[in-house]
Amino acid sequence: MPSPGLRGPSLRNIVASVADSEAALKLDPQNFYARHNCAQAAYLMGFDQFAVGEFTKAIALNPRSARSYLGRGWAYSNLCQMNNMASDFTQAVRLDPSLAREVASPQQIAQHRIECSRPPPPPQAPHNCPHASIFAFSLNARFLLENEWKARHPGCPL
């Protein structure tokens, strides 16, 4: 799910992207574009910890990818890892100054720090469970995603 107020691609398109990216990675595990796209899909689906790992792998394959730093920065933001977020945003803009308008402003960062300092909301009741779409990912990825899902939504089925 995209952040509130933002429009994102449909879930059907994200699932298709994951299938294509994972097929490409089976053929060429060093395929930067497939790795980056898999990370972006995980981020769009709300699997921020997994997205951080995939963006990190993409950056290892192409350290000059400003968009990978940008994506990892936003995933860090969702995880309330503000120092990592700021570092990645700085690197993204250093590599591609045109991304300056896509990173969080100092005011947004200050507001997010306040939000992250608040205690987490109580767990959702099982009848209010959001839908998980981890089955778009490979079996290896599903194990990590399942753990992330259970931590964020205790008591909710997948």
Protein backbone atom coordinates (compact mmCIF):
# COMPACT_ATOMS: atom_id res chain seq x y z
CA MET A 1 0.00 0.00 0.00
CA PRO A 2 1.42 3.41 -0.87
CA SER A 3 1.76 6.08 1.79
CA PRO A 4 -1.46 7.98 2.61
CA GLY A 5 -2.29 10.58 -0.01
CA LEU A 6 -0.07 8.99 -2.65
CA ARG A 7 -1.26 6.93 -5.55
CA GLY A 8 0.65 3.82 -6.43
CA PRO A 9 0.44 0.98 -8.89
CA SER A 10 -2.28 -1.61 -8.49
CA LEU A 11 -1.52 -4.72 -6.47
CA ARG A 12 -1.97 -6.83 -9.61
CA ASN A 13 0.83 -4.88 -11.33
CA ILE A 14 3.09 -5.18 -8.30
CA VAL A 15 2.54 -8.94 -8.12
CA ALA A 16 3.38 -9.26 -11.83
CA SER A 17 6.51 -7.15 -11.28
CA VAL A 18 7.64 -9.43 -8.45
CA ALA A 19 7.18 -12.53 -10.61
CA ASP A 20 9.17 -10.97 -13.45
CA SER A 21 11.92 -9.71 -11.14
CA GLU A 22 12.32 -13.03 -9.39
CA ALA A 23 12.43 -14.89 -12.72
CA ALA A 24 15.16 -12.50 -13.88
CA LEU A 25 17.10 -13.01 -10.63
CA LYS A 26 16.99 -16.79 -11.09
CA LEU A 27 18.61 -16.35 -14.49
CA ASP A 28 21.06 -13.68 -13.32
CA PRO A 29 21.44 -13.11 -9.57
CA GLN A 30 23.58 -10.03 -10.34
CA ASN A 31 20.80 -8.29 -12.26
CA PHE A 32 20.65 -4.85 -10.64
CA TYR A 33 17.36 -3.81 -12.26
CA ALA A 34 15.56 -6.96 -11.11
CA ARG A 35 16.92 -6.56 -7.58
CA HIS A 36 15.91 -2.88 -7.43
CA ASN A 37 12.43 -3.64 -8.78
CA CYS A 38 11.93 -6.43 -6.26
CA ALA A 39 12.92 -4.00 -3.48
CA GLN A 40 10.53 -1.37 -4.81
CA ALA A 41 7.68 -3.89 -4.91
CA ALA A 42 8.37 -4.95 -1.32
CA TYR A 43 8.35 -1.29 -0.26
CA LEU A 44 5.06 -0.61 -2.06
CA MET A 45 3.52 -3.64 -0.36
CA GLY A 46 4.60 -2.39 3.06
CA PHE A 47 7.38 -4.89 3.72
CA ASP A 48 9.91 -2.26 4.72
CA GLN A 49 12.49 -4.48 6.45
CA PHE A 50 12.59 -6.79 3.44
CA ALA A 51 12.75 -3.77 1.12
CA VAL A 52 15.78 -2.42 3.02
CA GLY A 53 17.57 -5.74 2.49
CA GLU A 54 16.72 -5.84 -1.21
CA PHE A 55 17.68 -2.19 -1.77
CA THR A 56 20.96 -2.89 0.03
CA LYS A 57 21.64 -5.76 -2.38
CA ALA A 58 20.79 -3.50 -5.33
CA ILE A 59 23.18 -0.83 -4.02
CA ALA A 60 25.92 -3.45 -3.70
CA LEU A 61 25.41 -4.27 -7.39
CA ASN A 62 25.26 -0.59 -8.45
CA PRO A 63 26.55 1.86 -5.82
CA ARG A 64 25.73 4.79 -8.14
CA SER A 65 21.98 4.10 -8.14
CA ALA A 66 20.48 7.18 -6.55
CA ARG A 67 16.97 5.71 -6.78
CA SER A 68 18.02 2.67 -4.73
CA TYR A 69 19.29 4.97 -1.98
CA LEU A 70 16.07 6.96 -2.22
CA GLY A 71 13.90 3.83 -1.93
CA ARG A 72 15.93 2.48 0.98
CA GLY A 73 15.69 5.88 2.66
CA TRP A 74 11.89 5.82 2.49
CA ALA A 75 11.83 2.25 3.81
CA TYR A 76 14.08 3.33 6.69
CA SER A 77 11.67 6.21 7.29
CA ASN A 78 8.78 3.77 7.70
CA LEU A 79 10.92 1.78 10.15
CA CYS A 80 11.66 4.99 12.13
CA GLN A 81 15.38 4.61 11.45
CA MET A 82 15.84 8.33 10.97
CA ASN A 83 19.65 8.46 10.87
CA ASN A 84 19.79 5.78 8.17
CA MET A 85 17.02 7.57 6.28
CA ALA A 86 18.85 10.91 6.35
CA SER A 87 22.10 9.30 5.24
CA ASP A 88 20.43 7.57 2.29
CA PHE A 89 18.56 10.71 1.25
CA THR A 90 21.83 12.67 1.33
CA GLN A 91 23.54 10.05 -0.82
CA ALA A 92 20.61 9.91 -3.26
CA VAL A 93 20.72 13.68 -3.80
CA ARG A 94 24.53 13.64 -4.02
CA LEU A 95 24.30 11.09 -6.84
CA ASP A 96 21.31 12.74 -8.56
CA PRO A 97 20.50 16.32 -7.54
CA SER A 98 17.14 16.13 -9.33
CA LEU A 99 15.93 13.82 -6.52
CA ALA A 100 16.06 16.69 -4.01
CA ARG A 101 12.31 17.20 -4.40
CA GLU A 102 11.60 13.52 -3.68
CA VAL A 103 13.32 13.31 -0.30
CA ALA A 104 11.72 14.36 2.96
CA SER A 105 12.08 18.02 3.86
CA PRO A 106 13.63 19.01 7.20
CA GLN A 107 10.11 19.84 8.44
CA GLN A 108 8.80 16.43 7.39
CA ILE A 109 11.76 14.73 9.07
CA ALA A 110 11.15 16.68 12.31
CA GLN A 111 7.45 15.73 12.23
CA HIS A 112 8.28 12.10 11.53
CA ARG A 113 10.75 12.02 14.46
CA ILE A 114 7.88 13.12 16.71
CA GLU A 115 5.58 10.44 15.29
CA CYS A 116 8.26 7.77 15.73
CA SER A 117 8.81 8.78 19.35
CA ARG A 118 5.18 8.04 20.23
CA PRO A 119 4.36 4.59 21.63
CA PRO A 120 3.17 2.15 18.97
CA PRO A 121 -0.59 1.68 18.60
CA PRO A 122 -2.12 -1.41 20.20
CA PRO A 123 -2.25 -4.50 17.96
CA GLN A 124 -5.23 -4.73 15.65
CA ALA A 125 -8.02 -7.09 16.49
CA PRO A 126 -8.01 -10.10 14.16
CA HIS A 127 -11.30 -9.00 12.51
CA ASN A 128 -9.59 -5.76 11.33
CA CYS A 129 -6.69 -7.50 9.66
CA PRO A 130 -5.29 -6.05 6.44
CA HIS A 131 -4.68 -8.34 3.49
CA ALA A 132 -1.14 -9.73 3.10
CA SER A 133 0.20 -10.41 -0.36
CA ILE A 134 3.39 -12.30 0.41
CA PHE A 135 2.54 -15.05 -2.05
CA ALA A 136 3.78 -12.88 -4.90
CA PHE A 137 7.32 -13.49 -3.63
CA SER A 138 9.45 -16.63 -3.86
CA LEU A 139 9.39 -19.24 -1.12
CA ASN A 140 12.69 -17.96 0.33
CA ALA A 141 11.40 -14.40 0.53
CA ARG A 142 8.06 -15.50 2.00
CA PHE A 143 9.72 -16.73 5.20
CA LEU A 144 11.18 -13.27 5.88
CA LEU A 145 7.99 -11.51 4.86
CA GLU A 146 5.86 -13.79 7.02
CA ASN A 147 7.95 -12.92 10.08
CA GLU A 148 7.69 -9.20 9.31
CA TRP A 149 3.92 -9.53 8.80
CA LYS A 150 3.39 -11.40 12.08
CA ALA A 151 5.43 -8.81 14.00
CA ARG A 152 3.33 -5.95 12.61
CA HIS A 153 -0.05 -7.71 12.76
CA PRO A 154 -0.10 -10.19 15.68
CA GLY A 155 -3.05 -12.53 15.53
CA CYS A 156 -3.84 -11.78 11.89
CA PRO A 157 -3.80 -14.61 9.36
CA LEU A 158 -1.79 -14.28 6.17
